């Protein structure tokens, strides 16, 4: 019965999403988010990351691209019976991630109202990558659950990628020189060994030749002596 109930709920969500292009955000569930440089206060483009912790496996996570100051973003939360907590932070290329802020289920449903949404099973909160600005008409009055401007501090390590590449490759080229010089002594040693070997063989051959000559001379003398 529980499995059939979950399948029915999933089917209902699919029908609603397919017929209206997605379920609209709940009243009071929108957040107004901005990202700026902490030094210049210039607006930044980044990513809002939402991670939901909840009992019964009803949590999840999704991301939303922030492309303009004061961008509306919907916060999806499981019902209060799951004791949910939303963990929210933003990131932007070339900057450190923001500190994490939290929204509890009590704070969320205190503004949204628990009677506005039915119970839903695990997997209801899904990953998102849109900017969520189209969820709410521009001319409609809006009461925001949360208004937050994240001031991000620049990360110097990500400002100079070319320098990082140069620094990473420099040790490789400098390390190559010792490798080349370390290969030279064995080569010279091998050549010296070959020369010594050749000289030794020549010396042995010369000694053998001399010994044979002396033997021939002695044999001739002995022959002459016997002939007398």
C-alpha atoms as a PDB file:
ATOM      1  CA  UNK A   1       0.000   0.000   0.000  1.00  0.00           C
ATOM      2  CA  UNK A   2       2.828   2.417   0.848  1.00  0.00           C
ATOM      3  CA  UNK A   3       4.484   1.757  -2.520  1.00  0.00           C
ATOM      4  CA  UNK A   4       1.220   2.410  -4.371  1.00  0.00           C
ATOM      5  CA  UNK A   5       0.755   5.623  -2.401  1.00  0.00           C
ATOM      6  CA  UNK A   6       4.248   6.839  -3.339  1.00  0.00           C
ATOM      7  CA  UNK A   7       3.748   5.958  -7.002  1.00  0.00           C
ATOM      8  CA  UNK A   8       0.433   7.830  -7.030  1.00  0.00           C
ATOM      9  CA  UNK A   9       2.077  10.939  -5.579  1.00  0.00           C
ATOM     10  CA  UNK A  10       4.893  10.797  -8.123  1.00  0.00           C
ATOM     11  CA  UNK A  11       2.348  10.443 -10.920  1.00  0.00           C
ATOM     12  CA  UNK A  12       0.455  13.478  -9.621  1.00  0.00           C
ATOM     13  CA  UNK A  13       3.623  15.556  -9.571  1.00  0.00           C
ATOM     14  CA  UNK A  14       4.481  14.453 -13.108  1.00  0.00           C
ATOM     15  CA  UNK A  15       1.025  15.378 -14.394  1.00  0.00           C
ATOM     16  CA  UNK A  16       1.125  18.798 -12.774  1.00  0.00           C
ATOM     17  CA  UNK A  17       4.630  19.479 -14.074  1.00  0.00           C
ATOM     18  CA  UNK A  18       3.795  18.406 -17.595  1.00  0.00           C
ATOM     19  CA  UNK A  19       0.564  20.371 -17.831  1.00  0.00           C
ATOM     20  CA  UNK A  20       1.762  23.704 -16.465  1.00  0.00           C
ATOM     21  CA  UNK A  21       5.503  23.680 -17.189  1.00  0.00           C
ATOM     22  CA  UNK A  22       6.382  22.984 -13.540  1.00  0.00           C
ATOM     23  CA  UNK A  23       4.710  23.460 -10.181  1.00  0.00           C
ATOM     24  CA  UNK A  24       4.582  27.132  -9.160  1.00  0.00           C
ATOM     25  CA  UNK A  25       6.377  28.218  -5.984  1.00  0.00           C
ATOM     26  CA  UNK A  26       4.370  28.451  -2.794  1.00  0.00           C
ATOM     27  CA  UNK A  27       3.329  31.877  -1.552  1.00  0.00           C
ATOM     28  CA  UNK A  28       6.025  33.205   0.752  1.00  0.00           C
ATOM     29  CA  UNK A  29       8.633  30.652  -0.337  1.00  0.00           C
ATOM     30  CA  UNK A  30      10.657  33.034  -2.527  1.00  0.00           C
ATOM     31  CA  UNK A  31      14.075  34.345  -1.510  1.00  0.00           C
ATOM     32  CA  UNK A  32      15.694  37.508  -2.891  1.00  0.00           C
ATOM     33  CA  UNK A  33      19.363  36.786  -3.517  1.00  0.00           C
ATOM     34  CA  UNK A  34      22.336  38.923  -4.596  1.00  0.00           C
ATOM     35  CA  UNK A  35      26.070  38.254  -4.898  1.00  0.00           C
ATOM     36  CA  UNK A  36      28.658  41.062  -4.758  1.00  0.00           C
ATOM     37  CA  UNK A  37      32.417  41.535  -4.488  1.00  0.00           C
ATOM     38  CA  UNK A  38      33.291  42.234  -0.844  1.00  0.00           C
ATOM     39  CA  UNK A  39      35.804  44.956  -1.807  1.00  0.00           C
ATOM     40  CA  UNK A  40      34.256  46.720  -4.810  1.00  0.00           C
ATOM     41  CA  UNK A  41      30.609  45.778  -4.116  1.00  0.00           C
ATOM     42  CA  UNK A  42      30.245  45.035  -7.829  1.00  0.00           C
ATOM     43  CA  UNK A  43      27.520  42.480  -8.633  1.00  0.00           C
ATOM     44  CA  UNK A  44      28.695  38.969  -9.422  1.00  0.00           C
ATOM     45  CA  UNK A  45      27.319  35.987 -11.299  1.00  0.00           C
ATOM     46  CA  UNK A  46      27.359  32.779  -9.283  1.00  0.00           C
ATOM     47  CA  UNK A  47      25.559  29.680  -8.117  1.00  0.00           C
ATOM     48  CA  UNK A  48      23.192  29.325  -5.175  1.00  0.00           C
ATOM     49  CA  UNK A  49      23.505  25.881  -3.600  1.00  0.00           C
ATOM     50  CA  UNK A  50      20.680  24.560  -1.430  1.00  0.00           C
ATOM     51  CA  UNK A  51      20.989  21.370   0.613  1.00  0.00           C
ATOM     52  CA  UNK A  52      17.986  20.112   2.578  1.00  0.00           C
ATOM     53  CA  UNK A  53      18.375  17.863   5.607  1.00  0.00           C
ATOM     54  CA  UNK A  54      15.184  16.112   6.694  1.00  0.00           C
ATOM     55  CA  UNK A  55      14.052  12.953   8.406  1.00  0.00           C
ATOM     56  CA  UNK A  56      12.559  10.041   6.530  1.00  0.00           C
ATOM     57  CA  UNK A  57      14.785  10.559   3.489  1.00  0.00           C
ATOM     58  CA  UNK A  58      12.744  13.575   2.390  1.00  0.00           C
ATOM     59  CA  UNK A  59      15.784  15.835   1.908  1.00  0.00           C
ATOM     60  CA  UNK A  60      17.676  16.664  -1.236  1.00  0.00           C
ATOM     61  CA  UNK A  61      19.719  19.350  -2.961  1.00  0.00           C
ATOM     62  CA  UNK A  62      19.527  21.693  -5.924  1.00  0.00           C
ATOM     63  CA  UNK A  63      21.406  24.603  -7.476  1.00  0.00           C
ATOM     64  CA  UNK A  64      20.214  27.867  -9.030  1.00  0.00           C
ATOM     65  CA  UNK A  65      22.247  30.218 -11.225  1.00  0.00           C
ATOM     66  CA  UNK A  66      22.277  33.797  -9.901  1.00  0.00           C
ATOM     67  CA  UNK A  67      22.674  36.160 -12.843  1.00  0.00           C
ATOM     68  CA  UNK A  68      21.319  39.475 -11.509  1.00  0.00           C
ATOM     69  CA  UNK A  69      21.127  41.364  -8.188  1.00  0.00           C
ATOM     70  CA  UNK A  70      17.967  40.728  -6.183  1.00  0.00           C
ATOM     71  CA  UNK A  71      17.072  37.622  -8.163  1.00  0.00           C
ATOM     72  CA  UNK A  72      13.986  35.745  -6.873  1.00  0.00           C
ATOM     73  CA  UNK A  73      14.680  32.105  -6.015  1.00  0.00           C
ATOM     74  CA  UNK A  74      12.160  29.616  -4.650  1.00  0.00           C
ATOM     75  CA  UNK A  75      13.064  27.529  -1.616  1.00  0.00           C
ATOM     76  CA  UNK A  76      11.658  24.000  -1.681  1.00  0.00           C
ATOM     77  CA  UNK A  77      11.182  22.451   1.743  1.00  0.00           C
ATOM     78  CA  UNK A  78       9.575  19.208   2.953  1.00  0.00           C
ATOM     79  CA  UNK A  79       6.618  19.523   5.327  1.00  0.00           C
ATOM     80  CA  UNK A  80       7.294  20.419   8.958  1.00  0.00           C
ATOM     81  CA  UNK A  81       6.637  16.828  10.025  1.00  0.00           C
ATOM     82  CA  UNK A  82      10.008  15.890   8.452  1.00  0.00           C
ATOM     83  CA  UNK A  83      11.874  18.451  10.633  1.00  0.00           C
ATOM     84  CA  UNK A  84      13.682  19.948   7.633  1.00  0.00           C
ATOM     85  CA  UNK A  85      16.585  22.413   7.645  1.00  0.00           C
ATOM     86  CA  UNK A  86      17.887  24.191   4.545  1.00  0.00           C
ATOM     87  CA  UNK A  87      21.621  24.899   4.254  1.00  0.00           C
ATOM     88  CA  UNK A  88      22.334  27.670   1.738  1.00  0.00           C
ATOM     89  CA  UNK A  89      25.567  29.082   0.318  1.00  0.00           C
ATOM     90  CA  UNK A  90      26.770  30.701  -2.912  1.00  0.00           C
ATOM     91  CA  UNK A  91      29.881  30.303  -5.032  1.00  0.00           C
ATOM     92  CA  UNK A  92      31.406  32.297  -7.863  1.00  0.00           C
ATOM     93  CA  UNK A  93      34.430  31.689 -10.069  1.00  0.00           C
ATOM     94  CA  UNK A  94      37.535  33.370  -8.674  1.00  0.00           C
ATOM     95  CA  UNK A  95      36.054  33.810  -5.192  1.00  0.00           C
ATOM     96  CA  UNK A  96      35.882  31.897  -1.939  1.00  0.00           C
ATOM     97  CA  UNK A  97      32.520  30.261  -1.185  1.00  0.00           C
ATOM     98  CA  UNK A  98      30.228  32.169   1.139  1.00  0.00           C
ATOM     99  CA  UNK A  99      29.495  31.170   4.679  1.00  0.00           C
ATOM    100  CA  UNK A 100      26.537  28.846   5.013  1.00  0.00           C
ATOM    101  CA  UNK A 101      23.206  30.163   6.242  1.00  0.00           C
ATOM    102  CA  UNK A 102      20.336  27.995   7.441  1.00  0.00           C
ATOM    103  CA  UNK A 103      16.560  28.156   7.298  1.00  0.00           C
ATOM    104  CA  UNK A 104      14.699  25.835   9.658  1.00  0.00           C
ATOM    105  CA  UNK A 105      11.405  24.169   8.937  1.00  0.00           C
ATOM    106  CA  UNK A 106       9.764  26.271  11.637  1.00  0.00           C
ATOM    107  CA  UNK A 107      10.967  29.501  10.009  1.00  0.00           C
ATOM    108  CA  UNK A 108       9.927  28.310   6.561  1.00  0.00           C
ATOM    109  CA  UNK A 109       6.460  26.985   7.337  1.00  0.00           C
ATOM    110  CA  UNK A 110       5.838  29.870   9.733  1.00  0.00           C
ATOM    111  CA  UNK A 111       5.787  32.169   6.696  1.00  0.00           C
ATOM    112  CA  UNK A 112       4.586  29.772   4.020  1.00  0.00           C
ATOM    113  CA  UNK A 113       1.872  27.955   5.984  1.00  0.00           C
ATOM    114  CA  UNK A 114       1.848  24.189   6.413  1.00  0.00           C
ATOM    115  CA  UNK A 115      -1.642  23.865   4.907  1.00  0.00           C
ATOM    116  CA  UNK A 116      -0.510  25.014   1.458  1.00  0.00           C
ATOM    117  CA  UNK A 117       1.271  21.821   0.442  1.00  0.00           C
ATOM    118  CA  UNK A 118       0.464  18.095   0.835  1.00  0.00           C
ATOM    119  CA  UNK A 119       2.814  15.520   2.294  1.00  0.00           C
ATOM    120  CA  UNK A 120       5.309  14.211  -0.254  1.00  0.00           C
ATOM    121  CA  UNK A 121       7.711  11.226  -0.414  1.00  0.00           C
ATOM    122  CA  UNK A 122      11.440  10.906  -0.756  1.00  0.00           C
ATOM    123  CA  UNK A 123      12.872  12.454  -3.932  1.00  0.00           C
ATOM    124  CA  UNK A 124      10.377  15.309  -4.133  1.00  0.00           C
ATOM    125  CA  UNK A 125      13.201  17.871  -3.902  1.00  0.00           C
ATOM    126  CA  UNK A 126      15.138  17.559  -7.123  1.00  0.00           C
ATOM    127  CA  UNK A 127      18.251  19.103  -8.605  1.00  0.00           C
ATOM    128  CA  UNK A 128      17.750  22.404 -10.486  1.00  0.00           C
ATOM    129  CA  UNK A 129      20.041  24.490 -12.650  1.00  0.00           C
ATOM    130  CA  UNK A 130      17.660  27.206 -13.911  1.00  0.00           C
ATOM    131  CA  UNK A 131      17.660  30.741 -12.509  1.00  0.00           C
ATOM    132  CA  UNK A 132      14.104  30.404 -11.155  1.00  0.00           C
ATOM    133  CA  UNK A 133      13.361  34.031 -12.041  1.00  0.00           C
ATOM    134  CA  UNK A 134      10.542  32.992 -14.356  1.00  0.00           C
ATOM    135  CA  UNK A 135       8.645  31.280 -11.525  1.00  0.00           C
ATOM    136  CA  UNK A 136       7.084  34.554 -10.425  1.00  0.00           C
ATOM    137  CA  UNK A 137       5.578  37.255 -12.687  1.00  0.00           C
ATOM    138  CA  UNK A 138       7.644  40.447 -12.616  1.00  0.00           C
ATOM    139  CA  UNK A 139       4.647  42.682 -11.879  1.00  0.00           C
ATOM    140  CA  UNK A 140       3.250  40.593  -9.008  1.00  0.00           C
ATOM    141  CA  UNK A 141       3.714  41.819  -5.410  1.00  0.00           C
ATOM    142  CA  UNK A 142       6.060  39.581  -3.487  1.00  0.00           C
ATOM    143  CA  UNK A 143       6.736  38.921   0.162  1.00  0.00           C
ATOM    144  CA  UNK A 144      10.116  37.274   0.494  1.00  0.00           C
ATOM    145  CA  UNK A 145      10.978  34.529   2.906  1.00  0.00           C
ATOM    146  CA  UNK A 146      14.555  35.793   2.969  1.00  0.00           C
ATOM    147  CA  UNK A 147      16.516  38.688   1.440  1.00  0.00           C
ATOM    148  CA  UNK A 148      20.254  38.153   1.409  1.00  0.00           C
ATOM    149  CA  UNK A 149      23.289  39.754  -0.221  1.00  0.00           C
ATOM    150  CA  UNK A 150      26.357  37.518  -0.166  1.00  0.00           C
ATOM    151  CA  UNK A 151      29.647  39.469  -0.176  1.00  0.00           C
ATOM    152  CA  UNK A 152      32.356  37.159  -1.516  1.00  0.00           C
ATOM    153  CA  UNK A 153      36.074  37.603  -0.963  1.00  0.00           C
ATOM    154  CA  UNK A 154      38.349  37.188  -3.977  1.00  0.00           C
ATOM    155  CA  UNK A 155      40.480  34.058  -4.084  1.00  0.00           C
ATOM    156  CA  UNK A 156      43.989  35.071  -5.261  1.00  0.00           C
ATOM    157  CA  UNK A 157      44.814  31.480  -6.146  1.00  0.00           C
ATOM    158  CA  UNK A 158      42.222  31.575  -8.930  1.00  0.00           C
ATOM    159  CA  UNK A 159      43.204  35.027 -10.264  1.00  0.00           C
ATOM    160  CA  UNK A 160      46.442  33.992 -11.954  1.00  0.00           C
ATOM    161  CA  UNK A 161      45.980  30.651 -13.756  1.00  0.00           C
ATOM    162  CA  UNK A 162      48.804  31.422 -16.211  1.00  0.00           C
ATOM    163  CA  UNK A 163      51.214  32.032 -13.333  1.00  0.00           C
ATOM    164  CA  UNK A 164      50.126  28.799 -11.708  1.00  0.00           C
ATOM    165  CA  UNK A 165      50.831  26.909 -14.928  1.00  0.00           C
ATOM    166  CA  UNK A 166      54.263  28.530 -15.209  1.00  0.00           C
ATOM    167  CA  UNK A 167      55.077  27.723 -11.596  1.00  0.00           C
ATOM    168  CA  UNK A 168      53.934  24.150 -12.045  1.00  0.00           C
ATOM    169  CA  UNK A 169      55.955  23.597 -15.215  1.00  0.00           C
ATOM    170  CA  UNK A 170      59.158  25.332 -14.045  1.00  0.00           C
ATOM    171  CA  UNK A 171      60.255  22.542 -11.689  1.00  0.00           C
ATOM    172  CA  UNK A 172      59.781  20.037 -14.505  1.00  0.00           C
ATOM    173  CA  UNK A 173      62.235  21.826 -16.834  1.00  0.00           C
ATOM    174  CA  UNK A 174      64.746  22.455 -14.052  1.00  0.00           C
ATOM    175  CA  UNK A 175      64.520  18.845 -12.945  1.00  0.00           C
ATOM    176  CA  UNK A 176      65.325  17.679 -16.468  1.00  0.00           C
ATOM    177  CA  UNK A 177      68.910  19.039 -16.315  1.00  0.00           C
ATOM    178  CA  UNK A 178      70.011  16.803 -13.439  1.00  0.00           C
ATOM    179  CA  UNK A 179      68.488  13.852 -15.242  1.00  0.00           C
ATOM    180  CA  UNK A 180      70.590  14.557 -18.356  1.00  0.00           C
ATOM    181  CA  UNK A 181      73.805  15.016 -16.356  1.00  0.00           C
ATOM    182  CA  UNK A 182      73.084  11.934 -14.324  1.00  0.00           C
ATOM    183  CA  UNK A 183      72.923   9.890 -17.525  1.00  0.00           C
ATOM    184  CA  UNK A 184      76.345  11.141 -18.793  1.00  0.00           C
ATOM    185  CA  UNK A 185      78.653   9.372 -16.265  1.00  0.00           C
ATOM    186  CA  UNK A 186      77.269   5.894 -17.019  1.00  0.00           C
ATOM    187  CA  UNK A 187      77.849   6.520 -20.734  1.00  0.00           C
ATOM    188  CA  UNK A 188      81.448   7.615 -20.165  1.00  0.00           C
ATOM    189  CA  UNK A 189      81.948   4.750 -17.798  1.00  0.00           C
ATOM    190  CA  UNK A 190      80.715   2.359 -20.442  1.00  0.00           C
ATOM    191  CA  UNK A 191      83.075   3.817 -23.053  1.00  0.00           C
ATOM    192  CA  UNK A 192      86.007   3.628 -20.656  1.00  0.00           C
ATOM    193  CA  UNK A 193      85.115   0.042 -19.833  1.00  0.00           C
ATOM    194  CA  UNK A 194      85.027  -0.848 -23.531  1.00  0.00           C
ATOM    195  CA  UNK A 195      88.397   0.798 -24.157  1.00  0.00           C
ATOM    196  CA  UNK A 196      89.948  -0.955 -21.177  1.00  0.00           C
ATOM    197  CA  UNK A 197      88.504  -4.234 -22.387  1.00  0.00           C
ATOM    198  CA  UNK A 198      89.913  -3.745 -25.872  1.00  0.00           C
ATOM    199  CA  UNK A 199      93.322  -2.842 -24.459  1.00  0.00           C
ATOM    200  CA  UNK A 200      93.242  -5.871 -22.185  1.00  0.00           C
ATOM    201  CA  UNK A 201      92.343  -8.184 -25.050  1.00  0.00           C
ATOM    202  CA  UNK A 202      95.103  -6.672 -27.183  1.00  0.00           C
ATOM    203  CA  UNK A 203      97.607  -7.117 -24.374  1.00  0.00           C
ATOM    204  CA  UNK A 204      96.611 -10.732 -23.906  1.00  0.00           C
ATOM    205  CA  UNK A 205      96.789 -11.365 -27.650  1.00  0.00           C
ATOM    206  CA  UNK A 206     100.249  -9.741 -27.786  1.00  0.00           C
ATOM    207  CA  UNK A 207     101.437 -11.826 -24.842  1.00  0.00           C
ATOM    208  CA  UNK A 208     100.144 -15.000 -26.470  1.00  0.00           C
ATOM    209  CA  UNK A 209     101.874 -14.079 -29.744  1.00  0.00           C
ATOM    210  CA  UNK A 210     105.139 -13.358 -27.909  1.00  0.00           C
ATOM    211  CA  UNK A 211     104.891 -16.604 -26.020  1.00  0.00           C
ATOM    212  CA  UNK A 212     104.296 -18.519 -29.227  1.00  0.00           C
ATOM    213  CA  UNK A 213     107.280 -16.832 -30.871  1.00  0.00           C
ATOM    214  CA  UNK A 214     109.503 -17.706 -27.956  1.00  0.00           C
ATOM    215  CA  UNK A 215     108.233 -21.274 -28.095  1.00  0.00           C
ATOM    216  CA  UNK A 216     109.010 -21.485 -31.808  1.00  0.00           C
ATOM    217  CA  UNK A 217     112.521 -20.123 -31.211  1.00  0.00           C
ATOM    218  CA  UNK A 218     113.150 -22.643 -28.458  1.00  0.00           C
ATOM    219  CA  UNK A 219     111.823 -25.465 -30.618  1.00  0.00           C
ATOM    220  CA  UNK A 220     114.170 -24.467 -33.454  1.00  0.00           C
ATOM    221  CA  UNK A 221     117.184 -24.340 -31.150  1.00  0.00           C
ATOM    222  CA  UNK A 222     116.311 -27.758 -29.751  1.00  0.00           C
ATOM    223  CA  UNK A 223     116.014 -29.143 -33.274  1.00  0.00           C
ATOM    224  CA  UNK A 224     119.394 -27.737 -34.282  1.00  0.00           C
ATOM    225  CA  UNK A 225     120.990 -29.203 -31.175  1.00  0.00           C
ATOM    226  CA  UNK A 226     119.578 -32.659 -31.910  1.00  0.00           C
ATOM    227  CA  UNK A 227     120.740 -32.435 -35.528  1.00  0.00           C
ATOM    228  CA  UNK A 228     124.383 -31.995 -34.404  1.00  0.00           C
END
